Amino acid sequence: MMIESLKRQKCIALLMDPDNYEPDDIRMLKDIKPKYRPDFIFIGGSLTGVHPDELISSLKGSTDIPVVLFPGSLLQLSDKADAILLLSLISGRNPDLLIGNHVIAAPHLRKMDIEIIATAYILVSCGARTSVEYMSQTDAIPSSKIDIAAATAIAGEMLGLKLIYLEGGSGASHTVPPAMIREVRGAVSVPLIVGGGLRSGDDIREAFNAGADMVVLGNGYEDDPGLLEMACRVRDEYQL
């Protein structure tokens, strides 16, 4: 589903943390004009105290946009989603986030009727230390170390991971540098997702121009819901 979409076109994903959304927010998404809708909705967060089932059920009852789990922990697994990004944090050296949690989750995921997408998750330092870095107990790749990011992405693809996700982290003060996106895009053949710090149409256009197949909106959308329409307008520039 998602992999094939990314091979055909540029995509927008809206990241929703169950802690931050109420029923009124879901109804607002239902009223969005079709051409300004995200292609996917990601569900998850670094420290989510609310299980995602209720949010996913509300979304599934209000829209046909595919819902993808973006889990920050094993507590965020749900069989109500359409797919899951099975994240391996390959920029860090925390064994639980490289393989440990995956071993625990695997028997449960195998019973779920959802698409499982093995994803190389690469944290990039984009300003102040983010909640992802703190919770994962890992250091992000400095945004100036483009060669390390590219080598890490190559390793992820060689290991058989199906997506590369360059992540600036929740609340990033600036975006993943276009030069890094461009270098990673040229180094791998699998689809490339970019998130963190995207707050304007220019940010999104720069990411797409540098080679991102999908951009993810999180805090930027929470601060300014109009960003979604702007992002979709930029996305559509590439569909002509």
Protein backbone atom coordinates (compact mmCIF):
# COMPACT_ATOMS: atom_id res chain seq x y z
CA MET A 1 0.00 0.00 0.00
CA MET A 2 2.30 2.75 1.24
CA ILE A 3 5.46 1.58 -0.49
CA GLU A 4 3.72 1.49 -3.86
CA SER A 5 2.23 4.94 -3.32
CA LEU A 6 5.66 6.39 -2.56
CA LYS A 7 7.09 4.88 -5.73
CA ARG A 8 4.42 6.63 -7.81
CA GLN A 9 4.07 10.08 -6.27
CA LYS A 10 5.05 12.57 -3.60
CA CYS A 11 3.04 12.09 -0.40
CA ILE A 12 2.05 13.98 2.74
CA ALA A 13 1.58 12.27 6.11
CA LEU A 14 -0.02 13.88 9.15
CA LEU A 15 1.44 12.65 12.45
CA MET A 16 -1.09 12.57 15.28
CA ASP A 17 -0.16 11.90 18.90
CA PRO A 18 -3.17 10.39 20.74
CA ASP A 19 -2.37 12.62 23.71
CA ASN A 20 -2.92 15.77 21.67
CA TYR A 21 -6.17 15.15 19.78
CA GLU A 22 -9.84 15.41 20.76
CA PRO A 23 -13.01 14.32 18.92
CA ASP A 24 -13.47 17.84 17.50
CA ASP A 25 -10.08 17.57 15.81
CA ILE A 26 -11.19 14.38 14.07
CA ARG A 27 -14.37 16.05 12.83
CA MET A 28 -12.25 18.89 11.47
CA LEU A 29 -10.22 16.41 9.43
CA LYS A 30 -13.45 14.94 8.04
CA ASP A 31 -14.40 18.36 6.64
CA ILE A 32 -11.09 18.94 4.82
CA LYS A 33 -11.53 19.27 1.06
CA PRO A 34 -10.44 16.07 -0.73
CA LYS A 35 -7.58 17.77 -2.58
CA TYR A 36 -6.12 19.06 0.70
CA ARG A 37 -6.17 15.76 2.56
CA PRO A 38 -2.99 13.99 3.65
CA ASP A 39 -2.19 10.73 1.88
CA PHE A 40 -1.59 8.94 5.20
CA ILE A 41 -2.16 9.55 8.89
CA PHE A 42 0.60 8.38 11.25
CA ILE A 43 -0.37 7.59 14.85
CA GLY A 44 2.14 7.63 17.70
CA GLY A 45 4.53 9.64 19.84
CA SER A 46 7.60 9.42 22.04
CA LEU A 47 5.61 9.44 25.29
CA THR A 48 2.00 8.57 24.60
CA GLY A 49 -0.13 7.92 27.67
CA VAL A 50 -3.29 7.21 25.67
CA HIS A 51 -3.64 3.94 23.76
CA PRO A 52 -4.17 4.66 20.05
CA ASP A 53 -7.24 2.43 19.58
CA GLU A 54 -9.79 5.17 20.29
CA LEU A 55 -8.14 7.70 18.00
CA ILE A 56 -7.74 5.14 15.21
CA SER A 57 -11.38 4.04 15.50
CA SER A 58 -12.52 7.68 15.34
CA LEU A 59 -10.40 8.27 12.26
CA LYS A 60 -11.60 5.10 10.53
CA GLY A 61 -15.18 6.14 11.18
CA SER A 62 -14.62 9.62 9.76
CA THR A 63 -12.26 9.24 6.81
CA ASP A 64 -10.85 6.67 4.40
CA ILE A 65 -7.29 7.99 4.73
CA PRO A 66 -4.99 5.03 5.55
CA VAL A 67 -3.87 4.98 9.18
CA VAL A 68 -0.29 3.90 9.90
CA LEU A 69 1.17 3.18 13.34
CA PHE A 70 4.33 5.14 14.14
CA PRO A 71 4.95 3.55 17.52
CA GLY A 72 7.16 5.09 20.17
CA SER A 73 6.84 1.97 22.35
CA LEU A 74 5.32 -1.50 22.47
CA LEU A 75 2.32 0.01 24.29
CA GLN A 76 1.28 1.77 21.08
CA LEU A 77 0.61 -1.36 19.01
CA SER A 78 -2.91 -1.73 17.64
CA ASP A 79 -4.60 -4.10 15.21
CA LYS A 80 -7.04 -1.38 14.17
CA ALA A 81 -4.52 0.41 11.93
CA ASP A 82 -3.92 -0.36 8.27
CA ALA A 83 -0.14 -0.63 8.60
CA ILE A 84 2.77 -0.21 10.98
CA LEU A 85 6.18 1.33 10.48
CA LEU A 86 8.35 -1.29 12.20
CA LEU A 87 11.06 1.16 13.19
CA SER A 88 14.66 0.12 13.66
CA LEU A 89 16.58 3.07 15.13
CA ILE A 90 19.76 2.50 13.13
CA SER A 91 21.28 5.91 13.92
CA GLY A 92 21.60 4.84 17.56
CA ARG A 93 23.16 1.91 19.37
CA ASN A 94 20.36 1.07 21.78
CA PRO A 95 19.85 -2.70 21.25
CA ASP A 96 16.21 -2.58 22.33
CA LEU A 97 15.40 -0.15 19.52
CA LEU A 98 17.55 -1.96 16.98
CA ILE A 99 16.05 -5.43 17.53
CA GLY A 100 15.04 -6.10 21.16
CA ASN A 101 11.53 -4.64 21.09
CA HIS A 102 10.97 -6.15 17.66
CA VAL A 103 11.51 -9.66 19.04
CA ILE A 104 8.87 -9.02 21.72
CA ALA A 105 6.42 -7.50 19.23
CA ALA A 106 6.89 -9.99 16.39
CA PRO A 107 4.53 -12.79 17.58
CA HIS A 108 1.77 -10.23 18.21
CA LEU A 109 2.31 -8.41 14.91
CA ARG A 110 2.16 -11.69 13.01
CA LYS A 111 -1.39 -12.21 14.26
CA MET A 112 -2.49 -8.73 13.18
CA ASP A 113 -4.06 -8.18 9.79
CA ILE A 114 -1.97 -5.10 8.99
CA GLU A 115 0.82 -4.25 6.58
CA ILE A 116 4.24 -4.38 8.27
CA ILE A 117 6.82 -1.99 6.81
CA ALA A 118 10.41 -2.48 7.99
CA THR A 119 11.74 1.06 8.37
CA ALA A 120 15.26 2.42 8.90
CA TYR A 121 14.74 5.22 11.41
CA ILE A 122 17.55 7.80 11.42
CA LEU A 123 17.55 10.66 13.92
CA VAL A 124 19.19 13.89 12.77
CA SER A 125 20.15 16.67 15.18
CA CYS A 126 18.07 19.70 14.14
CA GLY A 127 18.47 22.06 17.08
CA ALA A 128 17.80 21.36 20.74
CA ARG A 129 17.83 17.81 22.06
CA THR A 130 14.44 16.29 21.25
CA SER A 131 12.13 14.00 23.21
CA VAL A 132 12.97 11.18 20.76
CA GLU A 133 16.66 11.39 21.63
CA TYR A 134 15.94 11.51 25.35
CA MET A 135 13.47 8.63 25.35
CA SER A 136 15.60 6.46 23.05
CA GLN A 137 18.78 7.18 25.02
CA THR A 138 20.66 7.71 21.76
CA ASP A 139 22.45 10.57 20.07
CA ALA A 140 21.20 11.95 16.77
CA ILE A 141 23.52 12.27 13.77
CA PRO A 142 24.78 15.89 13.61
CA SER A 143 23.15 17.71 10.70
CA SER A 144 26.61 18.54 9.35
CA LYS A 145 27.64 14.86 9.14
CA ILE A 146 26.05 14.15 5.77
CA ASP A 147 28.43 11.30 4.98
CA ILE A 148 27.47 9.46 8.18
CA ALA A 149 23.76 9.83 7.41
CA ALA A 150 24.27 8.48 3.88
CA ALA A 151 26.37 5.53 5.08
CA THR A 152 23.76 4.75 7.73
CA ALA A 153 20.98 4.78 5.13
CA ILE A 154 23.00 2.52 2.82
CA ALA A 155 23.46 0.06 5.69
CA GLY A 156 19.72 0.12 6.37
CA GLU A 157 18.92 -0.71 2.77
CA MET A 158 21.55 -3.47 2.71
CA LEU A 159 19.93 -4.98 5.80
CA GLY A 160 16.68 -5.23 3.84
CA LEU A 161 14.73 -2.36 5.39
CA LYS A 162 12.08 -1.05 3.01
CA LEU A 163 11.99 2.66 3.91
CA ILE A 164 14.46 5.27 5.09
CA TYR A 165 13.04 7.82 7.55
CA LEU A 166 15.16 10.91 8.26
CA GLU A 167 13.73 12.41 11.44
CA GLY A 168 14.53 15.78 12.96
CA GLY A 169 12.36 14.92 15.97
CA SER A 170 9.31 16.47 17.60
CA GLY A 171 9.82 20.19 18.12
CA ALA A 172 12.94 20.38 15.94
CA SER A 173 14.01 24.01 15.52
CA HIS A 174 15.01 23.49 11.89
CA THR A 175 14.53 20.89 9.19
CA VAL A 176 16.79 18.06 8.07
CA PRO A 177 19.22 19.90 5.75
CA PRO A 178 18.35 19.60 2.04
CA ALA A 179 21.98 18.64 1.35
CA MET A 180 21.61 15.62 3.64
CA ILE A 181 18.30 14.63 2.06
CA ARG A 182 19.89 14.89 -1.38
CA GLU A 183 22.91 12.79 -0.40
CA VAL A 184 20.77 10.07 1.17
CA ARG A 185 18.39 10.07 -1.78
CA GLY A 186 21.31 9.49 -4.13
CA ALA A 187 22.71 6.71 -1.95
CA VAL A 188 19.64 4.44 -1.69
CA SER A 189 16.90 3.16 -3.95
CA VAL A 190 14.13 2.64 -1.38
CA PRO A 191 11.57 5.40 -0.63
CA LEU A 192 12.69 8.27 1.61
CA ILE A 193 10.54 9.91 4.31
CA VAL A 194 11.52 13.20 5.96
CA GLY A 195 10.01 14.71 9.13
CA GLY A 196 10.73 17.27 11.83
CA GLY A 197 10.78 21.05 11.76
CA LEU A 198 8.65 21.47 8.63
CA ARG A 199 6.66 24.65 9.18
CA SER A 200 6.19 26.31 5.79
CA GLY A 201 5.51 25.62 2.14
CA ASP A 202 9.14 26.48 1.39
CA ASP A 203 10.35 23.88 3.89
CA ILE A 204 8.20 21.22 2.25
CA ARG A 205 9.20 22.22 -1.27
CA GLU A 206 12.89 22.11 -0.32
CA ALA A 207 12.49 18.60 1.10
CA PHE A 208 10.69 17.37 -2.01
CA ASN A 209 13.20 19.02 -4.33
CA ALA A 210 16.05 17.40 -2.43
CA GLY A 211 14.53 13.95 -2.96
CA ALA A 212 12.02 13.22 -0.18
CA ASP A 213 9.18 10.97 -1.33
CA MET A 214 7.07 11.82 1.71
CA VAL A 215 7.11 14.63 4.25
CA VAL A 216 5.56 14.26 7.70
CA LEU A 217 3.76 17.13 9.45
CA GLY A 218 3.55 17.03 13.25
CA ASN A 219 4.05 20.03 15.52
CA GLY A 220 3.93 22.37 12.55
CA TYR A 221 0.34 21.31 11.84
CA GLU A 222 -0.64 21.44 15.52
CA ASP A 223 0.62 25.03 15.67
CA ASP A 224 -0.90 26.00 12.32
CA PRO A 225 -3.62 23.73 10.82
CA GLY A 226 -3.36 25.76 7.60
CA LEU A 227 0.01 24.10 7.01
CA LEU A 228 -1.74 20.95 5.77
CA GLU A 229 -3.47 22.78 2.91
CA MET A 230 -0.21 24.51 2.04
CA ALA A 231 1.65 21.19 2.06
CA CYS A 232 -0.94 19.58 -0.20
CA ARG A 233 -0.69 22.45 -2.66
CA VAL A 234 3.09 21.93 -2.79
CA ARG A 235 2.63 18.17 -3.18
CA ASP A 236 0.29 18.70 -6.10
CA GLU A 237 2.93 20.72 -7.93
CA TYR A 238 4.78 17.44 -8.41
CA GLN A 239 1.77 15.47 -9.65
CA LEU A 240 1.32 17.47 -12.86
